[in-house]
Amino acid sequence: MKRFLPLIIAIVFFFPRIQGAEPPGEVYHQSGSRKGVAISTDVLAIGLPATALTLTLCNRDWKGLLQGVETAAATAGVTLILKYSVKEWRPDYSNRHSFPSGHTAVGFATAGYLQRRYGWAWGGPAYALASYVGWGRVYSRKHHWWDVVAGAAIGAGSAYIFTRPFSSKHELQIIPVADEETMGIYASFTF
């Protein structure tokens, strides 16, 4: 082991420099529209989970709250481990935490949670907003497209693993009803 100690020290000390510890070019400064999109993605990365939390608390869905916390913890854990182990440069060279996109992971975890727990009425719009977040992170030069795809897979995958439908616990039934003059939908719900 003592023979390899100088080699280990050299690798630990020089490896970040070999990978390119300094950005290869000038740091990119965003234009007005790109900065606005970046800010809107920041707002949505907070707003989507806040909306899901509010919906869950208003429904007094304690099992759903636990599932949401598990989804969030798994998403954050995997994302942070990858960010600090991969160390990929952002397209704007601001830092080396590009892969995967945390904003996109949060957006898709929230959308997946809302869709799995409360259905497409909540999940559909959330997926649309999460997709905008992913696009916005690429447009604002904070992430590469593959960072966004990985973030979306991590978030949606976490939601798929940890979230179970709310409707099965509460026996939600939606039945179309029609007669000669009218059409409608009958819904029943136990709580």
Protein backbone atom coordinates (compact mmCIF):
# COMPACT_ATOMS: atom_id res chain seq x y z
CA MET A 1 0.00 0.00 0.00
CA LYS A 2 2.87 2.37 0.80
CA ARG A 3 4.18 1.92 -2.75
CA PHE A 4 0.92 3.22 -4.17
CA LEU A 5 0.49 6.16 -1.78
CA PRO A 6 2.40 8.67 -3.99
CA LEU A 7 0.38 7.51 -7.00
CA ILE A 8 -2.90 7.90 -5.08
CA ILE A 9 -1.89 11.38 -3.90
CA ALA A 10 -0.91 12.36 -7.43
CA ILE A 11 -4.22 11.13 -8.84
CA VAL A 12 -6.26 12.87 -6.15
CA PHE A 13 -4.29 16.10 -6.54
CA PHE A 14 -3.92 16.22 -10.33
CA PHE A 15 -7.07 14.44 -11.52
CA PRO A 16 -9.32 17.51 -11.20
CA ARG A 17 -6.78 19.48 -13.22
CA ILE A 18 -6.66 16.79 -15.89
CA GLN A 19 -10.46 16.87 -16.12
CA GLY A 20 -10.35 20.60 -16.66
CA ALA A 21 -10.73 22.31 -13.31
CA GLU A 22 -10.72 25.67 -15.05
CA PRO A 23 -13.39 26.48 -17.63
CA PRO A 24 -12.10 26.15 -21.18
CA GLY A 25 -13.33 29.62 -22.13
CA GLU A 26 -14.93 32.75 -20.84
CA VAL A 27 -17.92 32.45 -18.54
CA TYR A 28 -21.08 33.06 -20.55
CA HIS A 29 -23.28 35.99 -19.48
CA GLN A 30 -26.97 35.60 -20.19
CA SER A 31 -29.05 37.93 -22.32
CA GLY A 32 -32.30 39.39 -20.98
CA SER A 33 -34.61 36.70 -22.38
CA ARG A 34 -32.39 33.84 -21.26
CA LYS A 35 -32.13 35.35 -17.79
CA GLY A 36 -35.93 35.70 -17.62
CA VAL A 37 -36.39 32.05 -18.58
CA ALA A 38 -33.78 31.00 -16.00
CA ILE A 39 -35.65 32.94 -13.30
CA SER A 40 -38.98 31.42 -14.32
CA THR A 41 -37.51 27.93 -14.04
CA ASP A 42 -36.24 28.80 -10.56
CA VAL A 43 -39.75 29.92 -9.58
CA LEU A 44 -41.33 26.74 -10.97
CA ALA A 45 -38.76 24.54 -9.21
CA ILE A 46 -40.15 25.94 -5.95
CA GLY A 47 -43.76 26.48 -7.02
CA LEU A 48 -44.50 22.98 -8.30
CA PRO A 49 -43.55 21.16 -5.07
CA ALA A 50 -45.25 23.88 -3.01
CA THR A 51 -48.46 23.32 -4.98
CA ALA A 52 -48.22 19.55 -4.51
CA LEU A 53 -47.63 19.99 -0.78
CA THR A 54 -50.60 22.36 -0.49
CA LEU A 55 -52.87 19.96 -2.38
CA THR A 56 -51.75 17.04 -0.22
CA LEU A 57 -52.29 18.95 3.02
CA CYS A 58 -55.69 20.29 1.93
CA ASN A 59 -56.77 16.70 1.20
CA ARG A 60 -55.37 15.61 4.57
CA ASP A 61 -53.68 12.86 2.62
CA TRP A 62 -51.08 11.76 5.18
CA LYS A 63 -50.11 8.64 3.29
CA GLY A 64 -49.63 10.77 0.19
CA LEU A 65 -47.50 13.19 2.20
CA LEU A 66 -45.18 10.34 3.19
CA GLN A 67 -45.01 9.16 -0.42
CA GLY A 68 -44.20 12.71 -1.54
CA VAL A 69 -41.41 12.97 1.02
CA GLU A 70 -39.99 9.62 -0.12
CA THR A 71 -40.15 10.73 -3.75
CA ALA A 72 -38.45 14.05 -2.93
CA ALA A 73 -35.74 12.39 -0.85
CA ALA A 74 -34.92 9.82 -3.53
CA THR A 75 -34.88 12.48 -6.25
CA ALA A 76 -32.65 14.83 -4.24
CA GLY A 77 -30.33 12.05 -3.13
CA VAL A 78 -29.70 10.61 -6.58
CA THR A 79 -29.42 14.05 -8.17
CA LEU A 80 -26.92 15.39 -5.63
CA ILE A 81 -24.80 12.24 -5.66
CA LEU A 82 -24.54 12.46 -9.45
CA LYS A 83 -23.89 16.23 -9.48
CA TYR A 84 -20.99 15.93 -7.07
CA SER A 85 -19.51 12.77 -8.58
CA VAL A 86 -19.82 13.47 -12.32
CA LYS A 87 -18.72 17.15 -12.14
CA GLU A 88 -19.73 18.12 -15.67
CA TRP A 89 -19.28 21.74 -16.74
CA ARG A 90 -22.44 23.73 -17.30
CA PRO A 91 -22.78 25.17 -20.81
CA ASP A 92 -22.24 28.67 -19.38
CA TYR A 93 -19.15 27.43 -17.45
CA SER A 94 -20.47 28.85 -14.18
CA ASN A 95 -19.70 25.64 -12.24
CA ARG A 96 -19.28 21.90 -12.55
CA HIS A 97 -22.73 20.77 -11.38
CA SER A 98 -24.50 20.35 -14.70
CA PHE A 99 -25.35 16.63 -14.69
CA PRO A 100 -28.19 15.95 -13.96
CA SER A 101 -30.59 18.89 -13.94
CA GLY A 102 -31.92 19.30 -10.40
CA HIS A 103 -34.64 21.73 -11.49
CA THR A 104 -35.93 19.22 -14.05
CA ALA A 105 -35.69 16.33 -11.58
CA VAL A 106 -37.79 18.30 -9.06
CA GLY A 107 -40.32 19.26 -11.73
CA PHE A 108 -40.79 15.73 -13.04
CA ALA A 109 -40.83 14.22 -9.54
CA THR A 110 -43.63 16.61 -8.62
CA ALA A 111 -45.52 15.98 -11.87
CA GLY A 112 -45.15 12.22 -11.47
CA TYR A 113 -46.30 12.42 -7.86
CA LEU A 114 -49.36 14.52 -8.76
CA GLN A 115 -50.26 12.27 -11.69
CA ARG A 116 -49.82 9.00 -9.78
CA ARG A 117 -51.53 10.24 -6.63
CA TYR A 118 -54.33 12.48 -7.95
CA GLY A 119 -54.65 11.65 -11.65
CA TRP A 120 -54.04 13.40 -14.95
CA ALA A 121 -56.16 16.42 -14.04
CA TRP A 122 -53.29 17.50 -11.78
CA GLY A 123 -50.48 15.58 -13.44
CA GLY A 124 -51.04 16.80 -17.01
CA PRO A 125 -50.52 20.51 -16.30
CA ALA A 126 -47.64 19.65 -13.95
CA TYR A 127 -45.92 17.63 -16.70
CA ALA A 128 -46.36 20.56 -19.08
CA LEU A 129 -44.73 22.92 -16.56
CA ALA A 130 -41.96 20.39 -15.82
CA SER A 131 -41.29 20.13 -19.56
CA TYR A 132 -41.03 23.92 -19.74
CA VAL A 133 -38.52 23.80 -16.87
CA GLY A 134 -36.42 21.28 -18.79
CA TRP A 135 -36.55 23.33 -21.97
CA GLY A 136 -35.79 26.51 -20.02
CA ARG A 137 -32.71 25.03 -18.38
CA VAL A 138 -31.27 24.20 -21.82
CA TYR A 139 -32.35 27.54 -23.33
CA SER A 140 -30.78 29.53 -20.49
CA ARG A 141 -27.53 27.56 -20.94
CA LYS A 142 -27.61 26.08 -17.46
CA HIS A 143 -27.77 22.48 -18.72
CA HIS A 144 -27.13 20.29 -21.72
CA TRP A 145 -30.09 18.38 -23.14
CA TRP A 146 -28.80 15.10 -21.68
CA ASP A 147 -28.72 16.67 -18.20
CA VAL A 148 -32.41 17.48 -18.56
CA VAL A 149 -33.32 14.01 -19.85
CA ALA A 150 -31.46 12.41 -16.93
CA GLY A 151 -33.15 14.76 -14.43
CA ALA A 152 -36.57 13.97 -15.88
CA ALA A 153 -35.91 10.22 -15.66
CA ILE A 154 -34.70 10.49 -12.06
CA GLY A 155 -37.69 12.56 -10.96
CA ALA A 156 -40.39 10.62 -12.79
CA GLY A 157 -38.77 7.30 -11.84
CA SER A 158 -38.71 8.24 -8.16
CA ALA A 159 -42.38 9.22 -8.29
CA TYR A 160 -43.26 5.99 -10.07
CA ILE A 161 -41.46 3.91 -7.43
CA PHE A 162 -42.72 5.66 -4.28
CA THR A 163 -46.19 7.01 -5.15
CA ARG A 164 -49.41 5.01 -5.15
CA PRO A 165 -52.78 6.26 -6.42
CA PHE A 166 -54.99 8.16 -4.00
CA SER A 167 -58.10 6.91 -5.78
CA SER A 168 -57.59 3.25 -4.86
CA LYS A 169 -57.58 4.00 -1.13
CA HIS A 170 -60.71 6.11 -1.36
CA GLU A 171 -62.56 3.99 -3.91
CA LEU A 172 -62.87 6.79 -6.45
CA GLN A 173 -65.27 5.78 -9.21
CA ILE A 174 -66.10 7.83 -12.28
CA ILE A 175 -68.90 6.50 -14.44
CA PRO A 176 -70.34 8.08 -17.61
CA VAL A 177 -74.14 8.42 -17.53
CA ALA A 178 -76.43 9.11 -20.49
CA ASP A 179 -80.08 8.98 -21.40
CA GLU A 180 -82.04 10.23 -24.40
CA GLU A 181 -81.63 13.93 -23.54
CA THR A 182 -78.59 14.33 -21.31
CA MET A 183 -75.06 13.15 -20.79
CA GLY A 184 -73.00 13.38 -17.65
CA ILE A 185 -70.54 11.84 -15.31
CA TYR A 186 -71.29 10.22 -11.98
CA ALA A 187 -68.49 10.28 -9.43
CA SER A 188 -68.37 8.66 -6.01
CA PHE A 189 -65.70 8.96 -3.38
CA THR A 190 -65.35 7.55 0.13
CA PHE A 191 -63.44 9.26 2.90
